[in-house]
């Protein structure tokens, strides 16, 4: 599961820059258009071409600003130009009668000893901050209510990193939905991908963009019943294609790979055959 600088309760987003003003680990379109648009950055490779980055920090050294963020989230902040986007989840009170979906393991009802949260209500939010000052520009509630499945006690319901194309933002919260916002925080569309679960361990897979598609890998439960990879039209949320899988629960984010013949989507999985790929084609 992904981790970042979030802590329990009220959390702080910290902007740490080199003294020279270098934008750490950002691809640059121009001086004003630094981008880190998705999980593991441009191309999903987790590689930056930045040089002379800071290697020391303290409460004050190489820190430009700090902003308190309510709730908990393991999603990575993403950046486009002067905007930072992130997600967070706020746990509410226990809801009488609420409980997570029942899990079956090897034919027997099963509940992981570290599963928690299915009996609470939650408020799941998407936030946009000014990269230069840390000021919260807007804060939107994507989902509010009870959740379909538990989470691991160390996980959150905001563990999938959003993705952006510089005009829109897509944020995934598994069974609680996929959401598209514009850069002003207006909800463009939302959709449900189904009531899939991961044995009470929570979410973590992040969406991927390819041309006009938002691609999601929705593996679930031991043995993989109902697992699939789907592509949705990024402007409408309409499903373009869906491929069933037999992989058991995973939290891996797919990777796009360009070969001499085509672009392939590489998706890891927890089965006898540990990986699969699918050629991608621009939807008509």
C-alpha atoms as a PDB file:
ATOM      1  CA  UNK A   1       0.000   0.000   0.000  1.00  0.00           C
ATOM      2  CA  UNK A   2       1.196   3.466  -0.804  1.00  0.00           C
ATOM      3  CA  UNK A   3       2.508   5.766   1.859  1.00  0.00           C
ATOM      4  CA  UNK A   4       3.346   9.434   1.921  1.00  0.00           C
ATOM      5  CA  UNK A   5       3.736  12.235   4.445  1.00  0.00           C
ATOM      6  CA  UNK A   6       0.172  11.966   5.780  1.00  0.00           C
ATOM      7  CA  UNK A   7      -0.218  11.327   9.508  1.00  0.00           C
ATOM      8  CA  UNK A   8      -3.169  10.529  11.728  1.00  0.00           C
ATOM      9  CA  UNK A   9      -5.829  13.114  12.446  1.00  0.00           C
ATOM     10  CA  UNK A  10      -5.031  16.606  11.181  1.00  0.00           C
ATOM     11  CA  UNK A  11      -2.282  16.268   8.609  1.00  0.00           C
ATOM     12  CA  UNK A  12       0.096  18.749   7.041  1.00  0.00           C
ATOM     13  CA  UNK A  13       1.017  19.109   3.404  1.00  0.00           C
ATOM     14  CA  UNK A  14       4.593  20.354   3.376  1.00  0.00           C
ATOM     15  CA  UNK A  15       6.227  21.998   0.360  1.00  0.00           C
ATOM     16  CA  UNK A  16      10.003  21.417   0.432  1.00  0.00           C
ATOM     17  CA  UNK A  17      12.155  23.147  -2.169  1.00  0.00           C
ATOM     18  CA  UNK A  18      15.828  23.693  -2.809  1.00  0.00           C
ATOM     19  CA  UNK A  19      17.194  27.058  -1.776  1.00  0.00           C
ATOM     20  CA  UNK A  20      17.794  27.788  -5.468  1.00  0.00           C
ATOM     21  CA  UNK A  21      14.041  27.546  -6.077  1.00  0.00           C
ATOM     22  CA  UNK A  22      14.230  24.287  -8.044  1.00  0.00           C
ATOM     23  CA  UNK A  23      10.877  22.484  -8.247  1.00  0.00           C
ATOM     24  CA  UNK A  24      11.821  19.112  -6.809  1.00  0.00           C
ATOM     25  CA  UNK A  25      11.112  16.080  -8.994  1.00  0.00           C
ATOM     26  CA  UNK A  26       8.883  17.883 -11.490  1.00  0.00           C
ATOM     27  CA  UNK A  27       8.830  17.589 -15.251  1.00  0.00           C
ATOM     28  CA  UNK A  28       8.738  21.058 -16.788  1.00  0.00           C
ATOM     29  CA  UNK A  29       6.645  22.170 -19.716  1.00  0.00           C
ATOM     30  CA  UNK A  30       7.701  25.754 -18.999  1.00  0.00           C
ATOM     31  CA  UNK A  31       8.779  27.764 -15.956  1.00  0.00           C
ATOM     32  CA  UNK A  32       5.138  28.139 -14.942  1.00  0.00           C
ATOM     33  CA  UNK A  33       3.982  24.676 -16.007  1.00  0.00           C
ATOM     34  CA  UNK A  34       5.830  22.139 -13.865  1.00  0.00           C
ATOM     35  CA  UNK A  35       3.918  18.860 -13.818  1.00  0.00           C
ATOM     36  CA  UNK A  36       3.765  15.662 -11.789  1.00  0.00           C
ATOM     37  CA  UNK A  37       0.361  14.545 -13.063  1.00  0.00           C
ATOM     38  CA  UNK A  38      -0.167  11.048 -11.662  1.00  0.00           C
ATOM     39  CA  UNK A  39       1.105   8.258  -9.430  1.00  0.00           C
ATOM     40  CA  UNK A  40       4.888   8.008  -9.958  1.00  0.00           C
ATOM     41  CA  UNK A  41       4.954  11.080 -12.178  1.00  0.00           C
ATOM     42  CA  UNK A  42       5.087  11.585 -15.964  1.00  0.00           C
ATOM     43  CA  UNK A  43       4.838   8.223 -17.724  1.00  0.00           C
ATOM     44  CA  UNK A  44       4.342   6.411 -14.401  1.00  0.00           C
ATOM     45  CA  UNK A  45       8.044   5.547 -14.214  1.00  0.00           C
ATOM     46  CA  UNK A  46       8.840   7.354 -10.979  1.00  0.00           C
ATOM     47  CA  UNK A  47      11.821   9.046 -12.627  1.00  0.00           C
ATOM     48  CA  UNK A  48      12.743  12.729 -12.527  1.00  0.00           C
ATOM     49  CA  UNK A  49      15.392  14.550 -14.552  1.00  0.00           C
ATOM     50  CA  UNK A  50      15.827  17.233 -11.879  1.00  0.00           C
ATOM     51  CA  UNK A  51      19.350  17.944 -10.601  1.00  0.00           C
ATOM     52  CA  UNK A  52      20.793  19.618  -7.493  1.00  0.00           C
ATOM     53  CA  UNK A  53      17.858  18.640  -5.311  1.00  0.00           C
ATOM     54  CA  UNK A  54      17.928  19.209  -1.533  1.00  0.00           C
ATOM     55  CA  UNK A  55      18.876  16.226   0.621  1.00  0.00           C
ATOM     56  CA  UNK A  56      18.300  17.746   4.077  1.00  0.00           C
ATOM     57  CA  UNK A  57      15.165  19.051   5.770  1.00  0.00           C
ATOM     58  CA  UNK A  58      14.090  20.204   9.188  1.00  0.00           C
ATOM     59  CA  UNK A  59      11.093  22.064  10.586  1.00  0.00           C
ATOM     60  CA  UNK A  60      12.383  25.159   8.806  1.00  0.00           C
ATOM     61  CA  UNK A  61      15.202  24.207   6.415  1.00  0.00           C
ATOM     62  CA  UNK A  62      14.170  23.913   2.738  1.00  0.00           C
ATOM     63  CA  UNK A  63      10.496  24.282   3.712  1.00  0.00           C
ATOM     64  CA  UNK A  64       8.570  26.941   1.814  1.00  0.00           C
ATOM     65  CA  UNK A  65       5.156  26.453   3.469  1.00  0.00           C
ATOM     66  CA  UNK A  66       2.996  24.080   5.526  1.00  0.00           C
ATOM     67  CA  UNK A  67      -0.759  23.644   5.207  1.00  0.00           C
ATOM     68  CA  UNK A  68      -2.935  21.606   7.596  1.00  0.00           C
ATOM     69  CA  UNK A  69      -5.181  19.077   5.832  1.00  0.00           C
ATOM     70  CA  UNK A  70      -8.049  17.414   7.743  1.00  0.00           C
ATOM     71  CA  UNK A  71      -8.375  13.642   7.777  1.00  0.00           C
ATOM     72  CA  UNK A  72      -6.103  10.900   6.452  1.00  0.00           C
ATOM     73  CA  UNK A  73      -4.937   9.927   2.977  1.00  0.00           C
ATOM     74  CA  UNK A  74      -2.219   7.809   1.398  1.00  0.00           C
ATOM     75  CA  UNK A  75      -2.679   9.282  -2.062  1.00  0.00           C
ATOM     76  CA  UNK A  76       0.301  11.160  -3.477  1.00  0.00           C
ATOM     77  CA  UNK A  77      -0.178  14.857  -4.232  1.00  0.00           C
ATOM     78  CA  UNK A  78      -0.066  15.603  -7.961  1.00  0.00           C
ATOM     79  CA  UNK A  79       0.967  18.875  -9.600  1.00  0.00           C
ATOM     80  CA  UNK A  80       0.055  20.792 -12.728  1.00  0.00           C
ATOM     81  CA  UNK A  81       1.484  24.271 -13.083  1.00  0.00           C
ATOM     82  CA  UNK A  82       0.754  26.210  -9.925  1.00  0.00           C
ATOM     83  CA  UNK A  83      -1.845  23.783  -8.594  1.00  0.00           C
ATOM     84  CA  UNK A  84      -1.489  20.817  -6.254  1.00  0.00           C
ATOM     85  CA  UNK A  85      -4.276  18.222  -6.030  1.00  0.00           C
ATOM     86  CA  UNK A  86      -4.762  15.608  -3.327  1.00  0.00           C
ATOM     87  CA  UNK A  87      -7.436  13.552  -1.595  1.00  0.00           C
ATOM     88  CA  UNK A  88      -8.317  12.891   2.030  1.00  0.00           C
ATOM     89  CA  UNK A  89     -10.803  10.842   4.049  1.00  0.00           C
ATOM     90  CA  UNK A  90     -12.445  11.939   7.295  1.00  0.00           C
ATOM     91  CA  UNK A  91     -13.886   9.249   9.546  1.00  0.00           C
ATOM     92  CA  UNK A  92     -17.279  10.032  11.048  1.00  0.00           C
ATOM     93  CA  UNK A  93     -19.246   8.369  13.837  1.00  0.00           C
ATOM     94  CA  UNK A  94     -20.313   4.742  14.040  1.00  0.00           C
ATOM     95  CA  UNK A  95     -23.532   4.167  12.089  1.00  0.00           C
ATOM     96  CA  UNK A  96     -25.893   1.723  13.835  1.00  0.00           C
ATOM     97  CA  UNK A  97     -26.357  -1.396  11.715  1.00  0.00           C
ATOM     98  CA  UNK A  98     -23.627  -0.491   9.224  1.00  0.00           C
ATOM     99  CA  UNK A  99     -21.053  -3.156   8.436  1.00  0.00           C
ATOM    100  CA  UNK A 100     -18.703  -4.142   5.644  1.00  0.00           C
ATOM    101  CA  UNK A 101     -19.556  -6.673   2.955  1.00  0.00           C
ATOM    102  CA  UNK A 102     -19.076 -10.314   3.989  1.00  0.00           C
ATOM    103  CA  UNK A 103     -15.875 -11.934   2.701  1.00  0.00           C
ATOM    104  CA  UNK A 104     -15.427 -15.594   1.857  1.00  0.00           C
ATOM    105  CA  UNK A 105     -12.000 -17.207   1.966  1.00  0.00           C
ATOM    106  CA  UNK A 106     -11.546 -20.852   0.971  1.00  0.00           C
ATOM    107  CA  UNK A 107     -15.281 -21.333   1.258  1.00  0.00           C
ATOM    108  CA  UNK A 108     -15.489 -19.933   4.783  1.00  0.00           C
ATOM    109  CA  UNK A 109     -16.648 -16.513   5.986  1.00  0.00           C
ATOM    110  CA  UNK A 110     -13.546 -14.510   6.842  1.00  0.00           C
ATOM    111  CA  UNK A 111     -12.662 -11.170   8.398  1.00  0.00           C
ATOM    112  CA  UNK A 112      -9.068  -9.981   8.538  1.00  0.00           C
ATOM    113  CA  UNK A 113      -7.988  -9.146  12.113  1.00  0.00           C
ATOM    114  CA  UNK A 114      -6.745  -5.719  10.972  1.00  0.00           C
ATOM    115  CA  UNK A 115      -9.908  -4.778   9.065  1.00  0.00           C
ATOM    116  CA  UNK A 116     -11.700  -1.704  10.417  1.00  0.00           C
ATOM    117  CA  UNK A 117     -13.978   1.113   9.347  1.00  0.00           C
ATOM    118  CA  UNK A 118     -17.009  -0.501   7.751  1.00  0.00           C
ATOM    119  CA  UNK A 119     -19.254   0.524  10.644  1.00  0.00           C
ATOM    120  CA  UNK A 120     -18.435   4.255  10.336  1.00  0.00           C
ATOM    121  CA  UNK A 121     -19.539   7.023   8.010  1.00  0.00           C
ATOM    122  CA  UNK A 122     -16.914   8.846   5.960  1.00  0.00           C
ATOM    123  CA  UNK A 123     -16.450  12.113   4.134  1.00  0.00           C
ATOM    124  CA  UNK A 124     -14.045  11.738   1.196  1.00  0.00           C
ATOM    125  CA  UNK A 125     -12.677  14.944  -0.303  1.00  0.00           C
ATOM    126  CA  UNK A 126     -10.664  16.273  -3.222  1.00  0.00           C
ATOM    127  CA  UNK A 127      -8.581  19.401  -2.599  1.00  0.00           C
ATOM    128  CA  UNK A 128      -6.694  21.896  -4.742  1.00  0.00           C
ATOM    129  CA  UNK A 129      -3.875  24.042  -3.310  1.00  0.00           C
ATOM    130  CA  UNK A 130      -1.751  26.866  -4.637  1.00  0.00           C
ATOM    131  CA  UNK A 131       1.747  25.447  -5.178  1.00  0.00           C
ATOM    132  CA  UNK A 132       3.504  28.729  -4.353  1.00  0.00           C
ATOM    133  CA  UNK A 133       1.678  29.556  -1.105  1.00  0.00           C
ATOM    134  CA  UNK A 134      -0.047  26.368   0.104  1.00  0.00           C
ATOM    135  CA  UNK A 135      -3.405  28.146   0.199  1.00  0.00           C
ATOM    136  CA  UNK A 136      -6.387  25.822  -0.278  1.00  0.00           C
ATOM    137  CA  UNK A 137      -8.066  27.062  -3.467  1.00  0.00           C
ATOM    138  CA  UNK A 138     -11.018  24.698  -3.261  1.00  0.00           C
ATOM    139  CA  UNK A 139     -12.200  21.651  -1.327  1.00  0.00           C
ATOM    140  CA  UNK A 140     -14.930  19.363  -2.650  1.00  0.00           C
ATOM    141  CA  UNK A 141     -16.743  16.453  -1.026  1.00  0.00           C
ATOM    142  CA  UNK A 142     -16.768  13.577  -3.510  1.00  0.00           C
ATOM    143  CA  UNK A 143     -18.505  11.049  -1.288  1.00  0.00           C
ATOM    144  CA  UNK A 144     -20.264  11.115   2.073  1.00  0.00           C
ATOM    145  CA  UNK A 145     -21.848   8.163   3.844  1.00  0.00           C
ATOM    146  CA  UNK A 146     -21.115   4.569   4.804  1.00  0.00           C
ATOM    147  CA  UNK A 147     -18.587   2.521   2.832  1.00  0.00           C
ATOM    148  CA  UNK A 148     -18.951  -0.836   1.091  1.00  0.00           C
ATOM    149  CA  UNK A 149     -15.891  -2.550   2.544  1.00  0.00           C
ATOM    150  CA  UNK A 150     -13.506  -2.261   5.484  1.00  0.00           C
ATOM    151  CA  UNK A 151      -9.946  -0.984   5.197  1.00  0.00           C
ATOM    152  CA  UNK A 152      -6.730  -2.136   6.828  1.00  0.00           C
ATOM    153  CA  UNK A 153      -6.253  -0.182  10.045  1.00  0.00           C
ATOM    154  CA  UNK A 154      -3.168   1.474   8.531  1.00  0.00           C
ATOM    155  CA  UNK A 155      -4.848   2.210   5.197  1.00  0.00           C
ATOM    156  CA  UNK A 156      -7.315   4.989   4.311  1.00  0.00           C
ATOM    157  CA  UNK A 157     -10.289   5.469   2.007  1.00  0.00           C
ATOM    158  CA  UNK A 158      -8.231   8.042   0.089  1.00  0.00           C
ATOM    159  CA  UNK A 159      -5.242   5.957  -0.995  1.00  0.00           C
ATOM    160  CA  UNK A 160      -5.545   6.183  -4.784  1.00  0.00           C
ATOM    161  CA  UNK A 161      -3.557   9.024  -6.353  1.00  0.00           C
ATOM    162  CA  UNK A 162      -5.589  11.224  -8.715  1.00  0.00           C
ATOM    163  CA  UNK A 163      -4.539  11.907 -12.311  1.00  0.00           C
ATOM    164  CA  UNK A 164      -4.825  15.055 -14.441  1.00  0.00           C
ATOM    165  CA  UNK A 165      -4.382  16.150 -18.048  1.00  0.00           C
ATOM    166  CA  UNK A 166      -4.037  19.840 -17.201  1.00  0.00           C
ATOM    167  CA  UNK A 167      -7.728  20.563 -17.713  1.00  0.00           C
ATOM    168  CA  UNK A 168      -9.558  17.910 -15.709  1.00  0.00           C
ATOM    169  CA  UNK A 169      -8.846  15.803 -12.644  1.00  0.00           C
ATOM    170  CA  UNK A 170      -9.947  12.192 -12.027  1.00  0.00           C
ATOM    171  CA  UNK A 171     -10.082  10.685  -8.521  1.00  0.00           C
ATOM    172  CA  UNK A 172     -10.934   7.047  -7.732  1.00  0.00           C
ATOM    173  CA  UNK A 173     -12.335   5.759  -4.434  1.00  0.00           C
ATOM    174  CA  UNK A 174     -13.054   2.138  -5.443  1.00  0.00           C
ATOM    175  CA  UNK A 175     -16.647   1.135  -4.619  1.00  0.00           C
ATOM    176  CA  UNK A 176     -17.396   4.715  -3.590  1.00  0.00           C
ATOM    177  CA  UNK A 177     -16.941   5.879  -7.176  1.00  0.00           C
ATOM    178  CA  UNK A 178     -14.800   7.559  -9.827  1.00  0.00           C
ATOM    179  CA  UNK A 179     -15.066  11.361 -10.039  1.00  0.00           C
ATOM    180  CA  UNK A 180     -14.066  13.942 -12.645  1.00  0.00           C
ATOM    181  CA  UNK A 181     -13.552  17.620 -11.719  1.00  0.00           C
ATOM    182  CA  UNK A 182     -12.426  20.606 -13.718  1.00  0.00           C
ATOM    183  CA  UNK A 183      -9.640  22.853 -12.433  1.00  0.00           C
ATOM    184  CA  UNK A 184     -12.167  25.171 -10.770  1.00  0.00           C
ATOM    185  CA  UNK A 185     -13.530  22.316  -8.673  1.00  0.00           C
ATOM    186  CA  UNK A 186     -16.753  21.794 -10.619  1.00  0.00           C
ATOM    187  CA  UNK A 187     -17.930  18.189 -10.761  1.00  0.00           C
ATOM    188  CA  UNK A 188     -18.015  17.151 -14.436  1.00  0.00           C
ATOM    189  CA  UNK A 189     -19.227  13.593 -13.879  1.00  0.00           C
ATOM    190  CA  UNK A 190     -19.202  10.726 -11.422  1.00  0.00           C
ATOM    191  CA  UNK A 191     -19.803   7.030 -11.915  1.00  0.00           C
ATOM    192  CA  UNK A 192     -19.844   3.724 -10.059  1.00  0.00           C
ATOM    193  CA  UNK A 193     -17.613   0.858 -11.183  1.00  0.00           C
ATOM    194  CA  UNK A 194     -19.474  -1.629  -9.027  1.00  0.00           C
ATOM    195  CA  UNK A 195     -19.359  -2.916  -5.474  1.00  0.00           C
ATOM    196  CA  UNK A 196     -15.934  -4.541  -5.546  1.00  0.00           C
ATOM    197  CA  UNK A 197     -13.977  -5.326  -2.389  1.00  0.00           C
ATOM    198  CA  UNK A 198     -10.485  -6.409  -1.347  1.00  0.00           C
ATOM    199  CA  UNK A 199     -10.916  -8.629   1.706  1.00  0.00           C
ATOM    200  CA  UNK A 200     -11.270  -5.629   3.966  1.00  0.00           C
ATOM    201  CA  UNK A 201      -7.848  -4.176   3.140  1.00  0.00           C
ATOM    202  CA  UNK A 202      -9.047  -1.008   1.368  1.00  0.00           C
ATOM    203  CA  UNK A 203      -8.044   0.746  -1.833  1.00  0.00           C
ATOM    204  CA  UNK A 204      -4.747   1.862  -3.348  1.00  0.00           C
ATOM    205  CA  UNK A 205      -4.738   1.390  -7.153  1.00  0.00           C
ATOM    206  CA  UNK A 206      -4.563   4.686  -9.037  1.00  0.00           C
ATOM    207  CA  UNK A 207      -6.236   5.544 -12.369  1.00  0.00           C
ATOM    208  CA  UNK A 208      -4.169   5.958 -15.554  1.00  0.00           C
ATOM    209  CA  UNK A 209      -4.794   8.235 -18.550  1.00  0.00           C
ATOM    210  CA  UNK A 210      -4.328   7.176 -22.178  1.00  0.00           C
ATOM    211  CA  UNK A 211      -5.541   9.519 -24.919  1.00  0.00           C
ATOM    212  CA  UNK A 212      -9.307   9.822 -24.288  1.00  0.00           C
ATOM    213  CA  UNK A 213      -9.438   7.014 -21.724  1.00  0.00           C
ATOM    214  CA  UNK A 214      -9.320   6.750 -17.945  1.00  0.00           C
ATOM    215  CA  UNK A 215      -8.131   3.210 -17.161  1.00  0.00           C
ATOM    216  CA  UNK A 216      -8.735   1.453 -13.847  1.00  0.00           C
ATOM    217  CA  UNK A 217      -7.590  -1.953 -12.598  1.00  0.00           C
ATOM    218  CA  UNK A 218     -10.252  -3.353 -10.289  1.00  0.00           C
ATOM    219  CA  UNK A 219      -8.960  -6.615  -8.826  1.00  0.00           C
ATOM    220  CA  UNK A 220     -10.806  -7.953  -5.830  1.00  0.00           C
ATOM    221  CA  UNK A 221     -11.103 -10.745  -3.284  1.00  0.00           C
ATOM    222  CA  UNK A 222      -9.089 -13.955  -3.076  1.00  0.00           C
ATOM    223  CA  UNK A 223      -9.405 -15.946  -6.277  1.00  0.00           C
ATOM    224  CA  UNK A 224     -10.418 -12.856  -8.225  1.00  0.00           C
ATOM    225  CA  UNK A 225     -14.172 -13.303  -8.865  1.00  0.00           C
ATOM    226  CA  UNK A 226     -15.369 -10.123 -10.532  1.00  0.00           C
ATOM    227  CA  UNK A 227     -11.892  -8.680 -11.156  1.00  0.00           C
ATOM    228  CA  UNK A 228     -11.545  -6.548 -14.294  1.00  0.00           C
ATOM    229  CA  UNK A 229      -9.714  -3.744 -16.072  1.00  0.00           C
ATOM    230  CA  UNK A 230     -11.934  -1.055 -17.572  1.00  0.00           C
ATOM    231  CA  UNK A 231     -11.492   2.044 -19.699  1.00  0.00           C
ATOM    232  CA  UNK A 232     -13.897   4.978 -19.497  1.00  0.00           C
ATOM    233  CA  UNK A 233     -14.293   7.994 -21.732  1.00  0.00           C
ATOM    234  CA  UNK A 234     -12.503  10.709 -19.784  1.00  0.00           C
ATOM    235  CA  UNK A 235     -14.983  13.431 -20.769  1.00  0.00           C
ATOM    236  CA  UNK A 236     -18.232  11.560 -20.080  1.00  0.00           C
ATOM    237  CA  UNK A 237     -17.464   8.656 -17.722  1.00  0.00           C
ATOM    238  CA  UNK A 238     -19.073   6.222 -20.185  1.00  0.00           C
ATOM    239  CA  UNK A 239     -17.443   2.782 -20.182  1.00  0.00           C
ATOM    240  CA  UNK A 240     -15.590   2.082 -23.454  1.00  0.00           C
ATOM    241  CA  UNK A 241     -14.341  -1.430 -22.736  1.00  0.00           C
ATOM    242  CA  UNK A 242     -14.003  -3.914 -19.871  1.00  0.00           C
ATOM    243  CA  UNK A 243     -11.755  -6.992 -19.715  1.00  0.00           C
ATOM    244  CA  UNK A 244     -12.416  -9.648 -17.013  1.00  0.00           C
ATOM    245  CA  UNK A 245      -9.483 -10.974 -14.986  1.00  0.00           C
ATOM    246  CA  UNK A 246      -8.944 -13.945 -12.676  1.00  0.00           C
ATOM    247  CA  UNK A 247      -6.303 -12.222 -10.549  1.00  0.00           C
ATOM    248  CA  UNK A 248      -6.878 -12.008  -6.829  1.00  0.00           C
ATOM    249  CA  UNK A 249      -6.893  -8.703  -4.960  1.00  0.00           C
ATOM    250  CA  UNK A 250      -4.106  -6.311  -5.909  1.00  0.00           C
ATOM    251  CA  UNK A 251      -3.278  -2.672  -5.335  1.00  0.00           C
ATOM    252  CA  UNK A 252      -0.982  -2.223  -8.333  1.00  0.00           C
ATOM    253  CA  UNK A 253      -1.384   0.660 -10.775  1.00  0.00           C
ATOM    254  CA  UNK A 254      -1.143  -0.328 -14.464  1.00  0.00           C
ATOM    255  CA  UNK A 255       1.763   0.982 -16.550  1.00  0.00           C
ATOM    256  CA  UNK A 256       1.663   2.146 -20.169  1.00  0.00           C
ATOM    257  CA  UNK A 257       4.533   0.860 -22.316  1.00  0.00           C
ATOM    258  CA  UNK A 258       5.322   2.003 -25.845  1.00  0.00           C
ATOM    259  CA  UNK A 259       6.646  -0.774 -28.096  1.00  0.00           C
ATOM    260  CA  UNK A 260       7.680  -0.430 -31.762  1.00  0.00           C
ATOM    261  CA  UNK A 261       4.311  -1.873 -32.774  1.00  0.00           C
ATOM    262  CA  UNK A 262       1.826  -0.389 -30.294  1.00  0.00           C
ATOM    263  CA  UNK A 263       1.108   1.021 -26.859  1.00  0.00           C
ATOM    264  CA  UNK A 264       0.487  -1.699 -24.266  1.00  0.00           C
ATOM    265  CA  UNK A 265      -1.097  -1.604 -20.846  1.00  0.00           C
ATOM    266  CA  UNK A 266       0.961  -3.713 -18.418  1.00  0.00           C
ATOM    267  CA  UNK A 267      -1.013  -4.907 -15.404  1.00  0.00           C
ATOM    268  CA  UNK A 268       0.458  -7.007 -12.614  1.00  0.00           C
ATOM    269  CA  UNK A 269      -1.614  -9.518 -10.715  1.00  0.00           C
ATOM    270  CA  UNK A 270      -1.580 -12.158  -8.006  1.00  0.00           C
ATOM    271  CA  UNK A 271      -2.148 -15.346  -9.976  1.00  0.00           C
ATOM    272  CA  UNK A 272      -0.180 -18.161 -11.619  1.00  0.00           C
ATOM    273  CA  UNK A 273       0.512 -15.885 -14.569  1.00  0.00           C
ATOM    274  CA  UNK A 274       1.783 -12.775 -12.861  1.00  0.00           C
ATOM    275  CA  UNK A 275       1.218 -10.238 -15.605  1.00  0.00           C
ATOM    276  CA  UNK A 276      -0.937  -9.470 -18.606  1.00  0.00           C
ATOM    277  CA  UNK A 277      -0.950  -6.838 -21.306  1.00  0.00           C
ATOM    278  CA  UNK A 278      -3.528  -5.388 -23.670  1.00  0.00           C
ATOM    279  CA  UNK A 279      -3.005  -3.321 -26.813  1.00  0.00           C
ATOM    280  CA  UNK A 280      -4.689   0.053 -26.619  1.00  0.00           C
ATOM    281  CA  UNK A 281      -6.609   1.727 -29.374  1.00  0.00           C
ATOM    282  CA  UNK A 282      -8.057   5.214 -29.534  1.00  0.00           C
ATOM    283  CA  UNK A 283     -11.854   4.969 -29.134  1.00  0.00           C
ATOM    284  CA  UNK A 284     -14.013   5.968 -32.052  1.00  0.00           C
END
